[in-house]
Amino acid sequence: MDAVDVKKDYLKWLCSLVNAGPDYHFLWYKLNNMAFVWSIEKDENRAEDGKYLRYLFGLEVSDTDNPVEEVEDFLSGPCSVLEFLVGLARRIEDDIMYDADTDDDRTSVWFWEMIRNLGLDIYDDEHFSEVEIDQIIDKFLGRKYSKNGIGNIFRSEKSGQKGWAQNLKNEEIWTQVHLWASQKIKK
């Protein structure tokens, strides 16, 4: 097992968690090579959710010749944007949106909603634009999106309306998740 193989297998594994199809290979590769950076302190927790995926992957592929720690060493470094999105989608499903009545895992639903909200769903392999993707991710990470979340992973239908104080740009991501989920549940 070498670093290149581990990284390729890890990317495939991440994509399998959220049904990220092969038509977007360039996008997934790009997002997996972009660091998730945050400006609100508690958002570091979302980076840790993403990095935790490395451990879970290590558990799946480790054996006596390749222990979990060695696999994780191949995947060191900051949390990537892709890891962040997959980790957050998992956290949303596990902690907030899990439906015990159906027992369906909708992690991929939440992941794809974030991809669509960012406007990245149009960048399949035939329409890939590194410059435009960089701009989209810079806008998101720099919190340069609108108050109601246009350009963000979550959008609030109520933000900016009378009686609604939240400006999503000022809220940690986990608070944004709760605002978004409360709208989903009410529908």
C-alpha atoms as a PDB file:
ATOM      1  CA  MET A   1       0.000   0.000   0.000  1.00  0.00           C
ATOM      2  CA  ASP A   2       1.452   3.348  -0.993  1.00  0.00           C
ATOM      3  CA  ALA A   3       0.288   6.924  -0.527  1.00  0.00           C
ATOM      4  CA  VAL A   4      -1.000   7.332  -4.098  1.00  0.00           C
ATOM      5  CA  ASP A   5      -3.142   4.189  -3.893  1.00  0.00           C
ATOM      6  CA  VAL A   6      -4.493   5.141  -0.468  1.00  0.00           C
ATOM      7  CA  LYS A   7      -5.444   8.623  -1.668  1.00  0.00           C
ATOM      8  CA  LYS A   8      -7.187   7.241  -4.776  1.00  0.00           C
ATOM      9  CA  ASP A   9      -9.048   4.625  -2.752  1.00  0.00           C
ATOM     10  CA  TYR A  10      -9.991   7.207  -0.142  1.00  0.00           C
ATOM     11  CA  LEU A  11     -11.448   9.543  -2.769  1.00  0.00           C
ATOM     12  CA  LYS A  12     -13.496   6.678  -4.220  1.00  0.00           C
ATOM     13  CA  TRP A  13     -14.658   5.755  -0.730  1.00  0.00           C
ATOM     14  CA  LEU A  14     -15.669   9.352   0.085  1.00  0.00           C
ATOM     15  CA  CYS A  15     -17.641   9.539  -3.137  1.00  0.00           C
ATOM     16  CA  SER A  16     -19.368   6.239  -2.405  1.00  0.00           C
ATOM     17  CA  LEU A  17     -20.640   7.599   0.932  1.00  0.00           C
ATOM     18  CA  VAL A  18     -22.683  10.277  -0.838  1.00  0.00           C
ATOM     19  CA  ASN A  19     -23.403   8.716  -4.238  1.00  0.00           C
ATOM     20  CA  ALA A  20     -21.076  11.202  -5.888  1.00  0.00           C
ATOM     21  CA  GLY A  21     -21.162   9.913  -9.428  1.00  0.00           C
ATOM     22  CA  PRO A  22     -18.232   9.387 -11.764  1.00  0.00           C
ATOM     23  CA  ASP A  23     -19.498  12.121 -14.100  1.00  0.00           C
ATOM     24  CA  TYR A  24     -18.019  14.599 -11.594  1.00  0.00           C
ATOM     25  CA  HIS A  25     -14.591  13.036 -11.146  1.00  0.00           C
ATOM     26  CA  PHE A  26     -12.737  16.320 -11.804  1.00  0.00           C
ATOM     27  CA  LEU A  27     -14.931  18.210  -9.327  1.00  0.00           C
ATOM     28  CA  TRP A  28     -14.460  15.629  -6.556  1.00  0.00           C
ATOM     29  CA  TYR A  29     -10.712  15.587  -7.145  1.00  0.00           C
ATOM     30  CA  LYS A  30     -10.601  19.398  -7.068  1.00  0.00           C
ATOM     31  CA  LEU A  31     -12.677  19.683  -3.872  1.00  0.00           C
ATOM     32  CA  ASN A  32     -10.575  16.991  -2.225  1.00  0.00           C
ATOM     33  CA  ASN A  33      -7.460  19.057  -2.927  1.00  0.00           C
ATOM     34  CA  MET A  34      -8.845  22.328  -1.550  1.00  0.00           C
ATOM     35  CA  ALA A  35      -8.417  23.020   2.171  1.00  0.00           C
ATOM     36  CA  PHE A  36     -11.515  23.785   4.198  1.00  0.00           C
ATOM     37  CA  VAL A  37     -10.702  26.970   6.115  1.00  0.00           C
ATOM     38  CA  TRP A  38     -12.926  28.690   8.625  1.00  0.00           C
ATOM     39  CA  SER A  39     -13.186  32.106  10.197  1.00  0.00           C
ATOM     40  CA  ILE A  40     -15.636  31.298  12.991  1.00  0.00           C
ATOM     41  CA  GLU A  41     -13.927  29.315  15.741  1.00  0.00           C
ATOM     42  CA  LYS A  42     -16.562  26.617  16.245  1.00  0.00           C
ATOM     43  CA  ASP A  43     -16.436  25.716  12.557  1.00  0.00           C
ATOM     44  CA  GLU A  44     -13.234  23.883  13.387  1.00  0.00           C
ATOM     45  CA  ASN A  45     -15.563  21.158  14.675  1.00  0.00           C
ATOM     46  CA  ARG A  46     -16.887  20.666  11.143  1.00  0.00           C
ATOM     47  CA  ALA A  47     -13.305  20.256   9.919  1.00  0.00           C
ATOM     48  CA  GLU A  48     -12.821  17.585  12.571  1.00  0.00           C
ATOM     49  CA  ASP A  49     -15.960  15.799  11.298  1.00  0.00           C
ATOM     50  CA  GLY A  50     -14.341  15.714   7.864  1.00  0.00           C
ATOM     51  CA  LYS A  51     -10.996  14.508   9.152  1.00  0.00           C
ATOM     52  CA  TYR A  52     -12.723  11.779  11.184  1.00  0.00           C
ATOM     53  CA  LEU A  53     -13.653  10.169   7.876  1.00  0.00           C
ATOM     54  CA  ARG A  54      -9.969   9.307   7.448  1.00  0.00           C
ATOM     55  CA  TYR A  55     -10.128   7.193  10.578  1.00  0.00           C
ATOM     56  CA  LEU A  56     -13.311   5.440   9.415  1.00  0.00           C
ATOM     57  CA  PHE A  57     -11.708   4.725   6.054  1.00  0.00           C
ATOM     58  CA  GLY A  58      -8.627   3.412   7.834  1.00  0.00           C
ATOM     59  CA  LEU A  59     -10.797   1.013   9.824  1.00  0.00           C
ATOM     60  CA  GLU A  60     -12.296  -0.328   6.611  1.00  0.00           C
ATOM     61  CA  VAL A  61      -9.058  -0.891   4.726  1.00  0.00           C
ATOM     62  CA  SER A  62      -6.603  -1.665   7.486  1.00  0.00           C
ATOM     63  CA  ASP A  63      -5.134  -5.071   8.078  1.00  0.00           C
ATOM     64  CA  THR A  64      -2.106  -6.408   9.893  1.00  0.00           C
ATOM     65  CA  ASP A  65       0.237  -5.089   7.189  1.00  0.00           C
ATOM     66  CA  ASN A  66      -1.473  -1.685   7.000  1.00  0.00           C
ATOM     67  CA  PRO A  67      -2.722  -0.540  10.405  1.00  0.00           C
ATOM     68  CA  VAL A  68      -5.254   2.287  10.745  1.00  0.00           C
ATOM     69  CA  GLU A  69      -2.547   4.717  11.870  1.00  0.00           C
ATOM     70  CA  GLU A  70      -0.480   4.106   8.740  1.00  0.00           C
ATOM     71  CA  VAL A  71      -3.492   4.628   6.483  1.00  0.00           C
ATOM     72  CA  GLU A  72      -4.294   7.861   8.320  1.00  0.00           C
ATOM     73  CA  ASP A  73      -0.677   9.033   7.920  1.00  0.00           C
ATOM     74  CA  PHE A  74      -1.115   8.867   4.137  1.00  0.00           C
ATOM     75  CA  LEU A  75      -4.132  11.185   4.498  1.00  0.00           C
ATOM     76  CA  SER A  76      -2.624  13.821   6.762  1.00  0.00           C
ATOM     77  CA  GLY A  77      -3.098  17.539   6.336  1.00  0.00           C
ATOM     78  CA  PRO A  78      -5.990  19.927   6.723  1.00  0.00           C
ATOM     79  CA  CYS A  79      -9.570  18.868   6.117  1.00  0.00           C
ATOM     80  CA  SER A  80     -10.480  19.192   2.460  1.00  0.00           C
ATOM     81  CA  VAL A  81     -13.628  20.876   1.196  1.00  0.00           C
ATOM     82  CA  LEU A  82     -14.897  17.485   0.006  1.00  0.00           C
ATOM     83  CA  GLU A  83     -14.227  15.891   3.402  1.00  0.00           C
ATOM     84  CA  PHE A  84     -16.004  18.805   5.056  1.00  0.00           C
ATOM     85  CA  LEU A  85     -19.087  18.410   2.840  1.00  0.00           C
ATOM     86  CA  VAL A  86     -19.252  14.627   3.241  1.00  0.00           C
ATOM     87  CA  GLY A  87     -18.603  14.841   6.984  1.00  0.00           C
ATOM     88  CA  LEU A  88     -21.264  17.497   7.407  1.00  0.00           C
ATOM     89  CA  ALA A  89     -23.795  15.532   5.368  1.00  0.00           C
ATOM     90  CA  ARG A  90     -23.154  12.514   7.613  1.00  0.00           C
ATOM     91  CA  ARG A  91     -23.474  14.635  10.755  1.00  0.00           C
ATOM     92  CA  ILE A  92     -26.766  16.103   9.510  1.00  0.00           C
ATOM     93  CA  GLU A  93     -28.186  12.657   8.832  1.00  0.00           C
ATOM     94  CA  ASP A  94     -26.939  11.083  12.054  1.00  0.00           C
ATOM     95  CA  ASP A  95     -27.691  13.921  14.478  1.00  0.00           C
ATOM     96  CA  ILE A  96     -30.638  15.847  13.050  1.00  0.00           C
ATOM     97  CA  MET A  97     -32.468  14.395  10.067  1.00  0.00           C
ATOM     98  CA  TYR A  98     -32.395  10.646  10.778  1.00  0.00           C
ATOM     99  CA  ASP A  99     -35.847   9.168  10.196  1.00  0.00           C
ATOM    100  CA  ALA A 100     -36.371   6.093  12.376  1.00  0.00           C
ATOM    101  CA  ASP A 101     -39.675   5.346  10.612  1.00  0.00           C
ATOM    102  CA  THR A 102     -37.980   4.653   7.292  1.00  0.00           C
ATOM    103  CA  ASP A 103     -34.430   3.922   8.453  1.00  0.00           C
ATOM    104  CA  ASP A 104     -33.278   5.363   5.106  1.00  0.00           C
ATOM    105  CA  ASP A 105     -29.829   6.923   5.050  1.00  0.00           C
ATOM    106  CA  ARG A 106     -30.226  10.271   3.304  1.00  0.00           C
ATOM    107  CA  THR A 107     -26.623  11.426   3.661  1.00  0.00           C
ATOM    108  CA  SER A 108     -26.357  11.729  -0.112  1.00  0.00           C
ATOM    109  CA  VAL A 109     -29.510  13.877  -0.214  1.00  0.00           C
ATOM    110  CA  TRP A 110     -27.981  16.434   2.140  1.00  0.00           C
ATOM    111  CA  PHE A 111     -24.635  16.329   0.330  1.00  0.00           C
ATOM    112  CA  TRP A 112     -26.216  16.960  -3.064  1.00  0.00           C
ATOM    113  CA  GLU A 113     -28.371  19.767  -1.679  1.00  0.00           C
ATOM    114  CA  MET A 114     -25.208  21.532  -0.491  1.00  0.00           C
ATOM    115  CA  ILE A 115     -23.555  20.940  -3.889  1.00  0.00           C
ATOM    116  CA  ARG A 116     -26.618  22.398  -5.661  1.00  0.00           C
ATOM    117  CA  ASN A 117     -26.842  25.365  -3.272  1.00  0.00           C
ATOM    118  CA  LEU A 118     -23.231  26.212  -4.060  1.00  0.00           C
ATOM    119  CA  GLY A 119     -23.987  25.906  -7.771  1.00  0.00           C
ATOM    120  CA  LEU A 120     -21.405  23.161  -8.255  1.00  0.00           C
ATOM    121  CA  ASP A 121     -23.824  20.619  -9.730  1.00  0.00           C
ATOM    122  CA  ILE A 122     -23.333  22.086 -13.216  1.00  0.00           C
ATOM    123  CA  TYR A 123     -19.596  21.267 -13.197  1.00  0.00           C
ATOM    124  CA  ASP A 124     -19.603  17.685 -14.394  1.00  0.00           C
ATOM    125  CA  ASP A 125     -16.541  16.439 -16.269  1.00  0.00           C
ATOM    126  CA  GLU A 126     -17.802  17.883 -19.578  1.00  0.00           C
ATOM    127  CA  HIS A 127     -18.380  21.358 -18.096  1.00  0.00           C
ATOM    128  CA  PHE A 128     -15.533  21.572 -15.606  1.00  0.00           C
ATOM    129  CA  SER A 129     -14.121  25.052 -14.941  1.00  0.00           C
ATOM    130  CA  GLU A 130     -11.379  25.254 -12.360  1.00  0.00           C
ATOM    131  CA  VAL A 131     -11.502  29.064 -12.309  1.00  0.00           C
ATOM    132  CA  GLU A 132     -15.252  29.180 -11.665  1.00  0.00           C
ATOM    133  CA  ILE A 133     -15.071  26.465  -9.006  1.00  0.00           C
ATOM    134  CA  ASP A 134     -12.275  28.379  -7.257  1.00  0.00           C
ATOM    135  CA  GLN A 135     -14.472  31.492  -7.262  1.00  0.00           C
ATOM    136  CA  ILE A 136     -17.461  29.592  -5.842  1.00  0.00           C
ATOM    137  CA  ILE A 137     -15.443  27.985  -3.055  1.00  0.00           C
ATOM    138  CA  ASP A 138     -13.619  31.246  -2.255  1.00  0.00           C
ATOM    139  CA  LYS A 139     -17.004  32.986  -1.943  1.00  0.00           C
ATOM    140  CA  PHE A 140     -18.283  30.231   0.355  1.00  0.00           C
ATOM    141  CA  LEU A 141     -15.186  29.953   2.547  1.00  0.00           C
ATOM    142  CA  GLY A 142     -14.764  33.730   2.703  1.00  0.00           C
ATOM    143  CA  ARG A 143     -18.418  34.087   3.740  1.00  0.00           C
ATOM    144  CA  LYS A 144     -19.014  36.466   0.848  1.00  0.00           C
ATOM    145  CA  TYR A 145     -22.460  35.003   0.168  1.00  0.00           C
ATOM    146  CA  SER A 146     -25.742  36.832   0.704  1.00  0.00           C
ATOM    147  CA  LYS A 147     -27.485  37.128   4.090  1.00  0.00           C
ATOM    148  CA  ASN A 148     -30.001  34.467   3.112  1.00  0.00           C
ATOM    149  CA  GLY A 149     -27.301  32.099   1.914  1.00  0.00           C
ATOM    150  CA  ILE A 150     -27.179  32.527  -1.864  1.00  0.00           C
ATOM    151  CA  GLY A 151     -23.677  31.217  -2.589  1.00  0.00           C
ATOM    152  CA  ASN A 152     -23.592  29.188   0.628  1.00  0.00           C
ATOM    153  CA  ILE A 153     -24.193  25.503   1.343  1.00  0.00           C
ATOM    154  CA  PHE A 154     -27.453  26.415   3.114  1.00  0.00           C
ATOM    155  CA  ARG A 155     -30.124  28.885   2.233  1.00  0.00           C
ATOM    156  CA  SER A 156     -32.642  30.400   4.575  1.00  0.00           C
ATOM    157  CA  GLU A 157     -36.011  31.293   3.185  1.00  0.00           C
ATOM    158  CA  LYS A 158     -36.605  33.578   6.152  1.00  0.00           C
ATOM    159  CA  SER A 159     -33.289  35.339   6.631  1.00  0.00           C
ATOM    160  CA  GLY A 160     -33.603  39.055   6.051  1.00  0.00           C
ATOM    161  CA  GLN A 161     -37.392  39.013   6.449  1.00  0.00           C
ATOM    162  CA  LYS A 162     -39.102  41.064   9.122  1.00  0.00           C
ATOM    163  CA  GLY A 163     -38.656  39.389  12.496  1.00  0.00           C
ATOM    164  CA  TRP A 164     -35.788  37.187  11.326  1.00  0.00           C
ATOM    165  CA  ALA A 165     -32.512  38.364  12.803  1.00  0.00           C
ATOM    166  CA  GLN A 166     -30.057  35.803  11.448  1.00  0.00           C
ATOM    167  CA  ASN A 167     -27.527  36.790   8.866  1.00  0.00           C
ATOM    168  CA  LEU A 168     -26.107  33.439   7.836  1.00  0.00           C
ATOM    169  CA  LYS A 169     -22.689  35.004   7.205  1.00  0.00           C
ATOM    170  CA  ASN A 170     -22.350  35.628  10.940  1.00  0.00           C
ATOM    171  CA  GLU A 171     -23.462  32.187  12.101  1.00  0.00           C
ATOM    172  CA  GLU A 172     -21.317  29.137  12.670  1.00  0.00           C
ATOM    173  CA  ILE A 173     -22.063  26.326  10.250  1.00  0.00           C
ATOM    174  CA  TRP A 174     -23.759  24.145  12.875  1.00  0.00           C
ATOM    175  CA  THR A 175     -26.204  26.979  13.654  1.00  0.00           C
ATOM    176  CA  GLN A 176     -26.831  27.326   9.915  1.00  0.00           C
ATOM    177  CA  VAL A 177     -27.590  23.595   9.814  1.00  0.00           C
ATOM    178  CA  HIS A 178     -30.207  23.988  12.520  1.00  0.00           C
ATOM    179  CA  LEU A 179     -31.825  26.989  10.823  1.00  0.00           C
ATOM    180  CA  TRP A 180     -31.921  25.086   7.523  1.00  0.00           C
ATOM    181  CA  ALA A 181     -33.223  21.893   9.160  1.00  0.00           C
ATOM    182  CA  SER A 182     -35.997  23.748  10.993  1.00  0.00           C
ATOM    183  CA  GLN A 183     -37.286  24.956   7.617  1.00  0.00           C
ATOM    184  CA  LYS A 184     -37.029  21.450   6.143  1.00  0.00           C
ATOM    185  CA  ILE A 185     -38.951  19.882   9.003  1.00  0.00           C
ATOM    186  CA  LYS A 186     -41.754  22.470   8.813  1.00  0.00           C
ATOM    187  CA  LYS A 187     -42.368  21.758   5.108  1.00  0.00           C
END
